[in-house]
Every structure is written in C-alpha cells, then in structure tokens.
Amino acid sequence: MPTEGKLPATAAQWSTRELILLEASRLFATRGFRGTSTRDICTAVGIRQPSLYSHFLSKQAIAQELLSRDLNSGIEALDRFARDGGSPSVELYRYLRWEITYDLEDPFDKRVLYNVEILALPELDGCRELLDVYNNRLEALIRRGIRGKDFIALDVIFLRRTVDAIILEAMRGSAEGAPIADQPDLAATVVLRALMQTPGEIDSVRARAHSAGL
C-alpha cells in the first residue's frame, strides 16, 4: 500500500528475494516474459542461478509472486473502502486515488504482468482466481453505484474495463518515469465524471473522498 510496508529506500538494503522480483519485473517489461531467462535475471541481480532457485523455482514462480502481491493489495483496498461505507461514488474515487498512488510508488514494473501470455500460464492458476476475485469486487461496487443511481446504467463489465484502462495507463506512466501532476486525483476525477449520473456533483465527491483519506 502507499503508506504501509514500503521497501528500504535504496536497493542496496533490499533482500535478495526482493531484488530478484525487481529485476525480473524490469526484464519482463523490456524483453518480454518469453525473452527473459533466469540467467538474465541472475545477471541483473548479480547472483548465481542456485541462489535464485533457493527463492523461486522458475520465472513463472516470480511472475506469480508479483501478480499475487499486486492483486491482493487491490482486493484488500477494495474491501477496506467497502467496509468504511459511504456512497459508491466516494468509494470508487477513494479506491482510484489509492490505486494510482500505489502504482506510482511501486518500484516493480507491472506493465506486462496482465498480458494474456502470462496470465494463461498453467502455473498461474491461483493468479487467475485472484483476478476473478478482484474483478468481482470492482464490478460489485459498480453495480451498487448503478442501483443507487450514482452511476449511469451501462454494461458493468464495460465500465469495469474502463476503470482498468486508467489503472494500466498509470502503471505505464510510472514505469516510464513521467508521472503527471496530481495524477491520482486526475484519474479518479476522469473516471467518476464518465460514470456519474450527475457529473456536477464531482466536487462534493472529491471533498468527501479526501476527508475519508486513503
């Protein structure tokens, strides 16, 4: 999360396991998953392959760890904001602010982790199940917003994919090192303006979301 469980400030203080995840995520993003070998990862970290295998049995296991962490963080945040109560519009605004902040601060490059090529790996069955849980949580939030007249009555899956597109764009922007000023609020505002039945209420939603915090 943006305010919890951060890694040490410098990579020199990181554990070998975290460095493996970091360098693997960067290599997956630049060379592709298939184009990255465990030898490439070892070279980037500065370790030998037996050391890598003491932490991860394969590069598929590395991808699984990266995806599981990311999905579990999103699920936990959605559940936390749902427990806090409030209108669906405020809940979604808070979640998007949290998610974009998380993506901008996260040192791991997640740009390609959600590609079909990686998600289709047999070793990632558990990650596909987590992705289903995440999607169900987000769709449930959108449905509540539609029932409560907060959101326009469009196809729920389409609206969820709209939210996903904003989040994935934030991941790309973070990896490219070109964050936009106030990007968490900008992204949340753009999505809520598109989904809300009464876009003129966005200032009220933003104020209530900020008051509730991340």
C-alpha atoms as a PDB file:
ATOM      1  CA  MET A   1       0.000   0.000   0.000  1.00  0.00           C
ATOM      2  CA  PRO A   2       1.171   3.567  -0.493  1.00  0.00           C
ATOM      3  CA  THR A   3       1.635   4.192   3.210  1.00  0.00           C
ATOM      4  CA  GLU A   4       2.459   0.729   4.515  1.00  0.00           C
ATOM      5  CA  GLY A   5       5.085  -1.979   4.103  1.00  0.00           C
ATOM      6  CA  LYS A   6       7.472   0.008   1.964  1.00  0.00           C
ATOM      7  CA  LEU A   7      10.790  -1.488   0.931  1.00  0.00           C
ATOM      8  CA  PRO A   8      14.025   0.170   2.112  1.00  0.00           C
ATOM      9  CA  ALA A   9      14.839   3.423   0.356  1.00  0.00           C
ATOM     10  CA  THR A  10      17.863   2.061  -1.545  1.00  0.00           C
ATOM     11  CA  ALA A  11      18.188  -1.210  -3.427  1.00  0.00           C
ATOM     12  CA  ALA A  12      21.419  -1.931  -1.532  1.00  0.00           C
ATOM     13  CA  GLN A  13      19.281  -2.535   1.559  1.00  0.00           C
ATOM     14  CA  TRP A  14      16.878  -4.906  -0.174  1.00  0.00           C
ATOM     15  CA  SER A  15      16.866  -8.651   0.386  1.00  0.00           C
ATOM     16  CA  THR A  16      17.980 -10.900  -2.471  1.00  0.00           C
ATOM     17  CA  ARG A  17      14.399 -12.094  -2.913  1.00  0.00           C
ATOM     18  CA  GLU A  18      13.118  -8.540  -3.428  1.00  0.00           C
ATOM     19  CA  LEU A  19      15.952  -7.730  -5.829  1.00  0.00           C
ATOM     20  CA  ILE A  20      15.072 -10.802  -7.885  1.00  0.00           C
ATOM     21  CA  LEU A  21      11.475  -9.608  -8.116  1.00  0.00           C
ATOM     22  CA  LEU A  22      12.575  -6.082  -9.015  1.00  0.00           C
ATOM     23  CA  GLU A  23      14.996  -7.019 -11.783  1.00  0.00           C
ATOM     24  CA  ALA A  24      12.702  -9.716 -13.152  1.00  0.00           C
ATOM     25  CA  SER A  25       9.811  -7.248 -13.390  1.00  0.00           C
ATOM     26  CA  ARG A  26      12.024  -4.821 -15.319  1.00  0.00           C
ATOM     27  CA  LEU A  27      13.275  -7.511 -17.672  1.00  0.00           C
ATOM     28  CA  PHE A  28       9.761  -8.865 -18.286  1.00  0.00           C
ATOM     29  CA  ALA A  29       8.686  -5.335 -19.240  1.00  0.00           C
ATOM     30  CA  THR A  30      11.609  -4.604 -21.572  1.00  0.00           C
ATOM     31  CA  ARG A  31      12.382  -8.021 -23.089  1.00  0.00           C
ATOM     32  CA  GLY A  32       9.040  -9.759 -22.696  1.00  0.00           C
ATOM     33  CA  PHE A  33       8.321 -12.739 -20.493  1.00  0.00           C
ATOM     34  CA  ARG A  34       9.444 -15.326 -23.039  1.00  0.00           C
ATOM     35  CA  GLY A  35      12.523 -13.267 -23.920  1.00  0.00           C
ATOM     36  CA  THR A  36      13.741 -13.266 -20.323  1.00  0.00           C
ATOM     37  CA  SER A  37      15.655 -16.216 -18.891  1.00  0.00           C
ATOM     38  CA  THR A  38      16.515 -16.997 -15.297  1.00  0.00           C
ATOM     39  CA  ARG A  39      20.150 -16.451 -16.314  1.00  0.00           C
ATOM     40  CA  ASP A  40      19.248 -12.910 -17.425  1.00  0.00           C
ATOM     41  CA  ILE A  41      17.628 -12.274 -14.055  1.00  0.00           C
ATOM     42  CA  CYS A  42      20.658 -13.601 -12.189  1.00  0.00           C
ATOM     43  CA  THR A  43      22.973 -11.368 -14.204  1.00  0.00           C
ATOM     44  CA  ALA A  44      20.840  -8.316 -13.445  1.00  0.00           C
ATOM     45  CA  VAL A  45      20.776  -9.091  -9.722  1.00  0.00           C
ATOM     46  CA  GLY A  46      24.430 -10.172  -9.556  1.00  0.00           C
ATOM     47  CA  ILE A  47      23.817 -13.688  -8.231  1.00  0.00           C
ATOM     48  CA  ARG A  48      24.249 -17.242  -9.473  1.00  0.00           C
ATOM     49  CA  GLN A  49      21.350 -19.423 -10.526  1.00  0.00           C
ATOM     50  CA  PRO A  50      21.432 -21.680  -7.422  1.00  0.00           C
ATOM     51  CA  SER A  51      20.821 -18.567  -5.348  1.00  0.00           C
ATOM     52  CA  LEU A  52      17.818 -17.619  -7.454  1.00  0.00           C
ATOM     53  CA  TYR A  53      16.400 -21.153  -7.241  1.00  0.00           C
ATOM     54  CA  SER A  54      16.626 -21.030  -3.459  1.00  0.00           C
ATOM     55  CA  HIS A  55      13.997 -18.285  -3.636  1.00  0.00           C
ATOM     56  CA  PHE A  56      11.996 -19.144  -6.780  1.00  0.00           C
ATOM     57  CA  LEU A  57      11.843 -22.431  -8.667  1.00  0.00           C
ATOM     58  CA  SER A  58      11.202 -20.735 -12.026  1.00  0.00           C
ATOM     59  CA  LYS A  59      10.496 -17.420 -13.711  1.00  0.00           C
ATOM     60  CA  GLN A  60       6.825 -18.449 -13.688  1.00  0.00           C
ATOM     61  CA  ALA A  61       7.027 -18.502  -9.883  1.00  0.00           C
ATOM     62  CA  ILE A  62       8.467 -14.979  -9.972  1.00  0.00           C
ATOM     63  CA  ALA A  63       5.579 -13.752 -12.138  1.00  0.00           C
ATOM     64  CA  GLN A  64       3.152 -15.476  -9.778  1.00  0.00           C
ATOM     65  CA  GLU A  65       4.622 -13.662  -6.779  1.00  0.00           C
ATOM     66  CA  LEU A  66       4.487 -10.270  -8.493  1.00  0.00           C
ATOM     67  CA  LEU A  67       0.911 -10.750  -9.644  1.00  0.00           C
ATOM     68  CA  SER A  68      -0.299 -12.168  -6.336  1.00  0.00           C
ATOM     69  CA  ARG A  69       1.099  -9.210  -4.421  1.00  0.00           C
ATOM     70  CA  ASP A  70      -0.491  -6.712  -6.768  1.00  0.00           C
ATOM     71  CA  LEU A  71      -3.904  -8.382  -6.863  1.00  0.00           C
ATOM     72  CA  ASN A  72      -4.065  -8.999  -3.119  1.00  0.00           C
ATOM     73  CA  SER A  73      -3.252  -5.337  -2.482  1.00  0.00           C
ATOM     74  CA  GLY A  74      -6.095  -4.243  -4.759  1.00  0.00           C
ATOM     75  CA  ILE A  75      -8.578  -6.669  -3.218  1.00  0.00           C
ATOM     76  CA  GLU A  76      -7.660  -5.604   0.310  1.00  0.00           C
ATOM     77  CA  ALA A  77      -8.087  -1.928  -0.614  1.00  0.00           C
ATOM     78  CA  LEU A  78     -11.493  -2.513  -2.229  1.00  0.00           C
ATOM     79  CA  ASP A  79     -12.653  -4.458   0.821  1.00  0.00           C
ATOM     80  CA  ARG A  80     -11.384  -1.766   3.192  1.00  0.00           C
ATOM     81  CA  PHE A  81     -13.184   1.047   1.393  1.00  0.00           C
ATOM     82  CA  ALA A  82     -16.375  -1.036   1.214  1.00  0.00           C
ATOM     83  CA  ARG A  83     -16.245  -1.576   4.995  1.00  0.00           C
ATOM     84  CA  ASP A  84     -15.825   2.159   5.537  1.00  0.00           C
ATOM     85  CA  GLY A  85     -19.228   2.768   3.982  1.00  0.00           C
ATOM     86  CA  GLY A  86     -20.293   5.894   2.122  1.00  0.00           C
ATOM     87  CA  SER A  87     -21.704   6.292  -1.351  1.00  0.00           C
ATOM     88  CA  PRO A  88     -20.406   4.129  -4.231  1.00  0.00           C
ATOM     89  CA  SER A  89     -19.078   7.251  -5.960  1.00  0.00           C
ATOM     90  CA  VAL A  90     -16.950   8.205  -2.950  1.00  0.00           C
ATOM     91  CA  GLU A  91     -15.860   4.585  -2.531  1.00  0.00           C
ATOM     92  CA  LEU A  92     -14.727   4.347  -6.166  1.00  0.00           C
ATOM     93  CA  TYR A  93     -12.991   7.733  -6.012  1.00  0.00           C
ATOM     94  CA  ARG A  94     -11.095   6.669  -2.895  1.00  0.00           C
ATOM     95  CA  TYR A  95     -10.118   3.368  -4.473  1.00  0.00           C
ATOM     96  CA  LEU A  96      -8.812   5.002  -7.638  1.00  0.00           C
ATOM     97  CA  ARG A  97      -6.795   7.561  -5.667  1.00  0.00           C
ATOM     98  CA  TRP A  98      -5.309   4.727  -3.636  1.00  0.00           C
ATOM     99  CA  GLU A  99      -4.614   2.516  -6.681  1.00  0.00           C
ATOM    100  CA  ILE A 100      -2.939   5.216  -8.762  1.00  0.00           C
ATOM    101  CA  THR A 101      -0.832   6.334  -5.787  1.00  0.00           C
ATOM    102  CA  TYR A 102       0.156   2.710  -5.178  1.00  0.00           C
ATOM    103  CA  ASP A 103       1.130   2.208  -8.821  1.00  0.00           C
ATOM    104  CA  LEU A 104       3.183   5.402  -8.933  1.00  0.00           C
ATOM    105  CA  GLU A 105       5.086   4.465  -5.758  1.00  0.00           C
ATOM    106  CA  ASP A 106       5.501   0.753  -6.504  1.00  0.00           C
ATOM    107  CA  PRO A 107       9.102   0.045  -7.647  1.00  0.00           C
ATOM    108  CA  PHE A 108       8.123  -3.107  -9.543  1.00  0.00           C
ATOM    109  CA  ASP A 109       7.401  -2.769 -13.264  1.00  0.00           C
ATOM    110  CA  LYS A 110       3.980  -4.361 -13.776  1.00  0.00           C
ATOM    111  CA  ARG A 111       3.287  -3.267 -17.352  1.00  0.00           C
ATOM    112  CA  VAL A 112       3.221  -6.746 -18.879  1.00  0.00           C
ATOM    113  CA  LEU A 113       2.063  -8.844 -15.947  1.00  0.00           C
ATOM    114  CA  TYR A 114      -1.561  -8.665 -17.038  1.00  0.00           C
ATOM    115  CA  ASN A 115      -0.859  -9.751 -20.611  1.00  0.00           C
ATOM    116  CA  VAL A 116      -2.773 -12.812 -21.775  1.00  0.00           C
ATOM    117  CA  GLU A 117       0.534 -14.570 -22.461  1.00  0.00           C
ATOM    118  CA  ILE A 118       1.454 -14.501 -18.772  1.00  0.00           C
ATOM    119  CA  LEU A 119      -1.991 -14.994 -17.286  1.00  0.00           C
ATOM    120  CA  ALA A 120      -2.522 -18.083 -19.458  1.00  0.00           C
ATOM    121  CA  LEU A 121       0.438 -19.925 -17.908  1.00  0.00           C
ATOM    122  CA  PRO A 122      -0.728 -23.113 -16.130  1.00  0.00           C
ATOM    123  CA  GLU A 123       1.425 -22.183 -13.137  1.00  0.00           C
ATOM    124  CA  LEU A 124      -0.647 -19.027 -12.656  1.00  0.00           C
ATOM    125  CA  ASP A 125      -3.992 -20.676 -11.928  1.00  0.00           C
ATOM    126  CA  GLY A 126      -4.021 -19.051  -8.499  1.00  0.00           C
ATOM    127  CA  CYS A 127      -3.427 -15.612 -10.009  1.00  0.00           C
ATOM    128  CA  ARG A 128      -6.311 -16.051 -12.434  1.00  0.00           C
ATOM    129  CA  GLU A 129      -8.527 -16.907  -9.476  1.00  0.00           C
ATOM    130  CA  LEU A 130      -7.329 -13.783  -7.656  1.00  0.00           C
ATOM    131  CA  LEU A 131      -8.004 -11.705 -10.774  1.00  0.00           C
ATOM    132  CA  ASP A 132     -11.559 -13.060 -10.832  1.00  0.00           C
ATOM    133  CA  VAL A 133     -11.979 -12.061  -7.171  1.00  0.00           C
ATOM    134  CA  TYR A 134     -10.654  -8.577  -7.909  1.00  0.00           C
ATOM    135  CA  ASN A 135     -12.904  -8.142 -10.948  1.00  0.00           C
ATOM    136  CA  ASN A 136     -15.931  -9.351  -8.971  1.00  0.00           C
ATOM    137  CA  ARG A 137     -15.227  -6.854  -6.178  1.00  0.00           C
ATOM    138  CA  LEU A 138     -14.893  -3.946  -8.597  1.00  0.00           C
ATOM    139  CA  GLU A 139     -17.984  -4.986 -10.567  1.00  0.00           C
ATOM    140  CA  ALA A 140     -19.974  -5.293  -7.316  1.00  0.00           C
ATOM    141  CA  LEU A 141     -19.019  -1.708  -6.453  1.00  0.00           C
ATOM    142  CA  ILE A 142     -20.129  -0.507  -9.882  1.00  0.00           C
ATOM    143  CA  ARG A 143     -23.436  -2.410  -9.605  1.00  0.00           C
ATOM    144  CA  ARG A 144     -24.126  -0.789  -6.249  1.00  0.00           C
ATOM    145  CA  GLY A 145     -23.480   2.567  -7.866  1.00  0.00           C
ATOM    146  CA  ILE A 146     -25.914   1.820 -10.682  1.00  0.00           C
ATOM    147  CA  ARG A 147     -28.613   0.589  -8.290  1.00  0.00           C
ATOM    148  CA  GLY A 148     -28.159   3.650  -6.100  1.00  0.00           C
ATOM    149  CA  LYS A 149     -28.377   5.994  -9.115  1.00  0.00           C
ATOM    150  CA  ASP A 150     -24.792   7.187  -8.550  1.00  0.00           C
ATOM    151  CA  PHE A 151     -23.608   5.716 -11.864  1.00  0.00           C
ATOM    152  CA  ILE A 152     -25.065   5.555 -15.349  1.00  0.00           C
ATOM    153  CA  ALA A 153     -26.734   2.263 -16.242  1.00  0.00           C
ATOM    154  CA  LEU A 154     -24.260   0.829 -18.741  1.00  0.00           C
ATOM    155  CA  ASP A 155     -22.790  -2.654 -19.060  1.00  0.00           C
ATOM    156  CA  VAL A 156     -20.937  -3.379 -15.819  1.00  0.00           C
ATOM    157  CA  ILE A 157     -18.069  -5.247 -17.473  1.00  0.00           C
ATOM    158  CA  PHE A 158     -17.538  -2.365 -19.903  1.00  0.00           C
ATOM    159  CA  LEU A 159     -17.421   0.112 -17.005  1.00  0.00           C
ATOM    160  CA  ARG A 160     -15.012  -2.100 -15.056  1.00  0.00           C
ATOM    161  CA  ARG A 161     -12.740  -2.309 -18.091  1.00  0.00           C
ATOM    162  CA  THR A 162     -12.835   1.483 -18.325  1.00  0.00           C
ATOM    163  CA  VAL A 163     -11.530   1.660 -14.764  1.00  0.00           C
ATOM    164  CA  ASP A 164      -8.897  -0.982 -15.576  1.00  0.00           C
ATOM    165  CA  ALA A 165      -7.693   1.042 -18.563  1.00  0.00           C
ATOM    166  CA  ILE A 166      -6.990   4.077 -16.367  1.00  0.00           C
ATOM    167  CA  ILE A 167      -5.109   1.910 -13.857  1.00  0.00           C
ATOM    168  CA  LEU A 168      -2.998   0.221 -16.557  1.00  0.00           C
ATOM    169  CA  GLU A 169      -2.125   3.614 -18.029  1.00  0.00           C
ATOM    170  CA  ALA A 170      -0.890   4.702 -14.602  1.00  0.00           C
ATOM    171  CA  MET A 171       1.318   1.600 -14.474  1.00  0.00           C
ATOM    172  CA  ARG A 172       2.852   2.514 -17.833  1.00  0.00           C
ATOM    173  CA  GLY A 173       3.374   6.132 -16.820  1.00  0.00           C
ATOM    174  CA  SER A 174       5.049   5.097 -13.582  1.00  0.00           C
ATOM    175  CA  ALA A 175       7.436   2.739 -15.385  1.00  0.00           C
ATOM    176  CA  GLU A 176       8.300   5.392 -17.936  1.00  0.00           C
ATOM    177  CA  GLY A 177       9.219   7.828 -15.173  1.00  0.00           C
ATOM    178  CA  ALA A 178       6.882  10.562 -16.330  1.00  0.00           C
ATOM    179  CA  PRO A 179       4.187  10.983 -13.652  1.00  0.00           C
ATOM    180  CA  ILE A 180       1.574  13.654 -14.237  1.00  0.00           C
ATOM    181  CA  ALA A 181       0.952  16.263 -11.544  1.00  0.00           C
ATOM    182  CA  ASP A 182      -1.938  15.234  -9.250  1.00  0.00           C
ATOM    183  CA  GLN A 183      -2.378  12.059 -11.306  1.00  0.00           C
ATOM    184  CA  PRO A 184      -4.306  10.097  -8.609  1.00  0.00           C
ATOM    185  CA  ASP A 185      -6.961  12.812  -8.330  1.00  0.00           C
ATOM    186  CA  LEU A 186      -6.955  13.470 -12.061  1.00  0.00           C
ATOM    187  CA  ALA A 187      -7.545   9.791 -12.844  1.00  0.00           C
ATOM    188  CA  ALA A 188     -10.278   9.451 -10.221  1.00  0.00           C
ATOM    189  CA  THR A 189     -11.983  12.602 -11.469  1.00  0.00           C
ATOM    190  CA  VAL A 190     -11.937  11.484 -15.111  1.00  0.00           C
ATOM    191  CA  VAL A 191     -13.447   8.085 -14.263  1.00  0.00           C
ATOM    192  CA  LEU A 192     -16.111   9.490 -11.943  1.00  0.00           C
ATOM    193  CA  ARG A 193     -17.132  12.168 -14.431  1.00  0.00           C
ATOM    194  CA  ALA A 194     -17.645   9.422 -17.008  1.00  0.00           C
ATOM    195  CA  LEU A 195     -19.618   7.140 -14.691  1.00  0.00           C
ATOM    196  CA  MET A 196     -21.697   9.514 -12.558  1.00  0.00           C
ATOM    197  CA  GLN A 197     -25.295  10.278 -13.438  1.00  0.00           C
ATOM    198  CA  THR A 198     -24.756  13.805 -12.112  1.00  0.00           C
ATOM    199  CA  PRO A 199     -21.176  14.815 -13.016  1.00  0.00           C
ATOM    200  CA  GLY A 200     -21.758  18.229 -11.448  1.00  0.00           C
ATOM    201  CA  GLU A 201     -21.508  16.574  -8.035  1.00  0.00           C
ATOM    202  CA  ILE A 202     -17.884  15.570  -8.577  1.00  0.00           C
ATOM    203  CA  ASP A 203     -16.555  18.394  -6.367  1.00  0.00           C
ATOM    204  CA  SER A 204     -18.657  17.099  -3.453  1.00  0.00           C
ATOM    205  CA  VAL A 205     -17.497  13.522  -4.093  1.00  0.00           C
ATOM    206  CA  ARG A 206     -13.862  14.624  -4.230  1.00  0.00           C
ATOM    207  CA  ALA A 207     -14.173  16.557  -0.975  1.00  0.00           C
ATOM    208  CA  ARG A 208     -15.773  13.621   0.838  1.00  0.00           C
ATOM    209  CA  ALA A 209     -13.171  11.215  -0.542  1.00  0.00           C
ATOM    210  CA  HIS A 210     -10.307  13.433   0.602  1.00  0.00           C
ATOM    211  CA  SER A 211     -11.908  13.790   4.021  1.00  0.00           C
ATOM    212  CA  ALA A 212     -12.092   9.980   4.331  1.00  0.00           C
ATOM    213  CA  GLY A 213      -8.443   9.590   3.248  1.00  0.00           C
ATOM    214  CA  LEU A 214      -6.566   6.746   1.567  1.00  0.00           C
END
